Amino acid sequence: MELNQAIELVKSAGYRVSKPKAKAPAPKLNALGLPMSPLYDPNYRRRASLTPISRLYAPMGKHTQWASEVPTNGE
């Protein structure tokens, strides 16, 4: 006898019957063994890459003049 047939049999006898609840899946754990936050999205990707550090350290152009190298009128 299947579950649905057993439920119908008990209902026909006048009892109120509900199906057993499905068990909740075990929560995913992070590296510390704690449950992951509900805000965690494993499919998150940044929209654009960050500025590469090499661009920030790139040398200045050939015609860059420093304040100490700027010619003055009398000198």
N, C-alpha and C. Protein backbone atom coordinates (compact mmCIF):
# COMPACT_ATOMS: atom_id res chain seq x y z
N MET A 1 0.85 -1.17 0.00
CA MET A 1 0.00 0.00 0.00
C MET A 1 0.90 1.24 0.00
N GLU A 2 0.60 2.17 -0.89
CA GLU A 2 1.39 3.39 -1.00
C GLU A 2 0.91 4.43 0.01
N LEU A 3 1.68 5.45 0.17
CA LEU A 3 1.36 6.49 1.14
C LEU A 3 0.02 7.16 0.82
N ASN A 4 -0.19 7.51 -0.44
CA ASN A 4 -1.45 8.17 -0.81
C ASN A 4 -2.67 7.28 -0.53
N GLN A 5 -2.54 5.99 -0.80
CA GLN A 5 -3.64 5.06 -0.53
C GLN A 5 -3.90 4.95 0.97
N ALA A 6 -2.84 4.92 1.76
CA ALA A 6 -2.99 4.84 3.21
C ALA A 6 -3.65 6.10 3.75
N ILE A 7 -3.31 7.25 3.22
CA ILE A 7 -3.91 8.51 3.66
C ILE A 7 -5.40 8.52 3.33
N GLU A 8 -5.76 8.07 2.13
CA GLU A 8 -7.18 8.03 1.75
C GLU A 8 -7.96 7.08 2.67
N LEU A 9 -7.37 5.96 3.03
CA LEU A 9 -8.02 4.99 3.90
C LEU A 9 -8.29 5.59 5.29
N VAL A 10 -7.30 6.30 5.84
CA VAL A 10 -7.46 6.89 7.16
C VAL A 10 -8.45 8.05 7.10
N LYS A 11 -8.43 8.84 6.00
CA LYS A 11 -9.38 9.94 5.84
C LYS A 11 -10.81 9.41 5.76
N SER A 12 -10.97 8.29 5.08
CA SER A 12 -12.32 7.73 4.95
C SER A 12 -12.86 7.25 6.30
N ALA A 13 -11.96 6.96 7.24
CA ALA A 13 -12.38 6.55 8.57
C ALA A 13 -12.77 7.75 9.43
N GLY A 14 -12.57 8.98 8.90
CA GLY A 14 -12.99 10.18 9.62
C GLY A 14 -11.87 10.91 10.34
N TYR A 15 -10.64 10.53 10.10
CA TYR A 15 -9.52 11.21 10.76
C TYR A 15 -8.95 12.31 9.85
N ARG A 16 -8.40 13.34 10.49
CA ARG A 16 -7.69 14.38 9.72
C ARG A 16 -6.25 13.94 9.56
N VAL A 17 -5.76 13.98 8.33
CA VAL A 17 -4.43 13.48 8.04
C VAL A 17 -3.67 14.52 7.22
N SER A 18 -2.41 14.69 7.53
CA SER A 18 -1.55 15.54 6.70
C SER A 18 -0.33 14.72 6.31
N LYS A 19 0.22 15.03 5.17
CA LYS A 19 1.40 14.31 4.71
C LYS A 19 2.59 14.69 5.57
N PRO A 20 3.55 13.80 5.73
CA PRO A 20 4.74 14.15 6.51
C PRO A 20 5.52 15.26 5.80
N LYS A 21 6.08 16.16 6.61
CA LYS A 21 6.85 17.26 6.04
C LYS A 21 8.16 16.74 5.48
N ALA A 22 8.57 17.35 4.37
CA ALA A 22 9.86 17.00 3.79
C ALA A 22 10.97 17.59 4.65
N LYS A 23 12.04 16.87 4.82
CA LYS A 23 13.15 17.36 5.62
C LYS A 23 13.86 18.48 4.87
N ALA A 24 14.24 19.51 5.61
CA ALA A 24 14.98 20.62 5.01
C ALA A 24 16.39 20.14 4.68
N PRO A 25 16.93 20.59 3.55
CA PRO A 25 18.30 20.18 3.22
C PRO A 25 19.28 20.76 4.23
N ALA A 26 20.36 20.06 4.43
CA ALA A 26 21.37 20.52 5.37
C ALA A 26 21.99 21.82 4.85
N PRO A 27 22.24 22.80 5.72
CA PRO A 27 22.80 24.07 5.25
C PRO A 27 24.23 23.88 4.77
N LYS A 28 24.61 24.67 3.76
CA LYS A 28 25.98 24.62 3.27
C LYS A 28 26.87 25.31 4.30
N LEU A 29 28.07 24.78 4.47
CA LEU A 29 28.98 25.32 5.46
C LEU A 29 30.11 26.07 4.80
N ASN A 30 30.58 27.14 5.45
CA ASN A 30 31.72 27.89 4.93
C ASN A 30 33.02 27.26 5.43
N ALA A 31 34.14 27.94 5.24
CA ALA A 31 35.44 27.39 5.59
C ALA A 31 35.60 27.18 7.10
N LEU A 32 34.84 27.94 7.89
CA LEU A 32 34.94 27.81 9.34
C LEU A 32 34.00 26.75 9.89
N GLY A 33 33.19 26.15 9.02
CA GLY A 33 32.25 25.14 9.46
C GLY A 33 30.93 25.73 9.94
N LEU A 34 30.73 27.02 9.69
CA LEU A 34 29.49 27.68 10.08
C LEU A 34 28.55 27.75 8.88
N PRO A 35 27.24 27.82 9.09
CA PRO A 35 26.33 27.94 7.95
C PRO A 35 26.57 29.23 7.19
N MET A 36 26.43 29.16 5.88
CA MET A 36 26.63 30.35 5.05
C MET A 36 25.51 31.35 5.28
N SER A 37 25.83 32.60 5.08
CA SER A 37 24.85 33.67 5.25
C SER A 37 23.79 33.57 4.15
N PRO A 38 22.55 33.94 4.45
CA PRO A 38 21.53 33.93 3.39
C PRO A 38 21.83 34.97 2.31
N LEU A 39 22.70 35.93 2.60
CA LEU A 39 23.06 36.95 1.61
C LEU A 39 24.16 36.47 0.66
N TYR A 40 24.79 35.34 0.96
CA TYR A 40 25.87 34.82 0.13
C TYR A 40 25.34 34.35 -1.22
N ASP A 41 25.98 34.80 -2.29
CA ASP A 41 25.59 34.39 -3.63
C ASP A 41 26.80 33.74 -4.31
N PRO A 42 26.82 32.43 -4.51
CA PRO A 42 27.99 31.78 -5.10
C PRO A 42 28.22 32.15 -6.55
N ASN A 43 27.23 32.74 -7.22
CA ASN A 43 27.37 33.10 -8.63
C ASN A 43 27.74 34.56 -8.82
N TYR A 44 28.10 35.28 -7.74
CA TYR A 44 28.44 36.70 -7.85
C TYR A 44 29.74 36.90 -8.60
N ARG A 45 29.76 37.82 -9.53
CA ARG A 45 30.97 38.20 -10.26
C ARG A 45 31.02 39.71 -10.33
N ARG A 46 32.22 40.27 -10.21
CA ARG A 46 32.37 41.72 -10.34
C ARG A 46 32.04 42.14 -11.76
N ARG A 47 31.47 43.33 -11.92
CA ARG A 47 31.10 43.80 -13.26
C ARG A 47 32.32 44.16 -14.08
N ALA A 48 33.29 44.83 -13.48
CA ALA A 48 34.49 45.22 -14.22
C ALA A 48 35.70 44.93 -13.35
N SER A 49 36.83 44.69 -13.98
CA SER A 49 38.03 44.42 -13.21
C SER A 49 38.52 45.71 -12.55
N LEU A 50 39.21 45.56 -11.46
CA LEU A 50 39.74 46.71 -10.77
C LEU A 50 40.90 47.31 -11.54
N THR A 51 41.26 48.54 -11.23
CA THR A 51 42.38 49.20 -11.91
C THR A 51 43.66 48.44 -11.62
N PRO A 52 44.38 48.05 -12.66
CA PRO A 52 45.63 47.31 -12.41
C PRO A 52 46.67 48.23 -11.77
N ILE A 53 47.41 47.71 -10.84
CA ILE A 53 48.41 48.49 -10.12
C ILE A 53 49.53 48.91 -11.05
N SER A 54 49.80 48.15 -12.10
CA SER A 54 50.87 48.50 -13.03
C SER A 54 50.57 49.83 -13.73
N ARG A 55 49.29 50.11 -13.96
CA ARG A 55 48.95 51.37 -14.59
C ARG A 55 49.23 52.54 -13.64
N LEU A 56 49.03 52.30 -12.36
CA LEU A 56 49.27 53.37 -11.39
C LEU A 56 50.76 53.65 -11.23
N TYR A 57 51.60 52.63 -11.43
CA TYR A 57 53.04 52.82 -11.29
C TYR A 57 53.72 53.09 -12.63
N ALA A 58 52.97 53.24 -13.69
CA ALA A 58 53.56 53.47 -15.01
C ALA A 58 54.36 54.77 -14.99
N PRO A 59 55.47 54.82 -15.73
CA PRO A 59 56.31 56.03 -15.72
C PRO A 59 55.56 57.22 -16.35
N MET A 60 55.94 58.40 -15.93
CA MET A 60 55.35 59.62 -16.47
C MET A 60 55.81 59.80 -17.92
N GLY A 61 55.13 60.64 -18.66
CA GLY A 61 55.50 60.90 -20.04
C GLY A 61 56.86 61.57 -20.16
N LYS A 62 57.42 61.59 -21.38
CA LYS A 62 58.76 62.15 -21.61
C LYS A 62 58.79 63.65 -21.36
N HIS A 63 57.69 64.34 -21.58
CA HIS A 63 57.68 65.80 -21.49
C HIS A 63 57.15 66.30 -20.15
N THR A 64 57.11 65.44 -19.16
CA THR A 64 56.66 65.87 -17.85
C THR A 64 57.73 66.73 -17.20
N GLN A 65 57.33 67.90 -16.70
CA GLN A 65 58.29 68.78 -16.02
C GLN A 65 57.93 68.82 -14.55
N TRP A 66 58.95 68.68 -13.73
CA TRP A 66 58.77 68.76 -12.30
C TRP A 66 58.92 70.21 -11.86
N ALA A 67 58.42 70.55 -10.71
CA ALA A 67 58.46 71.94 -10.23
C ALA A 67 59.88 72.43 -10.12
N SER A 68 60.81 71.57 -9.76
CA SER A 68 62.20 72.01 -9.63
C SER A 68 62.88 72.19 -10.98
N GLU A 69 62.31 71.67 -12.06
CA GLU A 69 62.93 71.75 -13.38
C GLU A 69 62.31 72.82 -14.27
N VAL A 70 61.26 73.49 -13.81
CA VAL A 70 60.58 74.48 -14.63
C VAL A 70 61.46 75.72 -14.72
N PRO A 71 61.78 76.18 -15.93
CA PRO A 71 62.63 77.37 -16.07
C PRO A 71 61.89 78.62 -15.59
N THR A 72 62.63 79.51 -14.94
CA THR A 72 62.06 80.77 -14.51
C THR A 72 62.51 81.86 -15.45
N ASN A 73 61.99 83.07 -15.33
CA ASN A 73 62.29 84.15 -16.28
C ASN A 73 63.74 84.57 -16.24
N GLY A 74 64.33 84.78 -15.09
CA GLY A 74 65.69 85.32 -15.01
C GLY A 74 66.76 84.25 -15.02
N GLU A 75 66.47 83.02 -14.95
CA GLU A 75 67.54 82.04 -14.82
C GLU A 75 67.63 81.14 -16.00
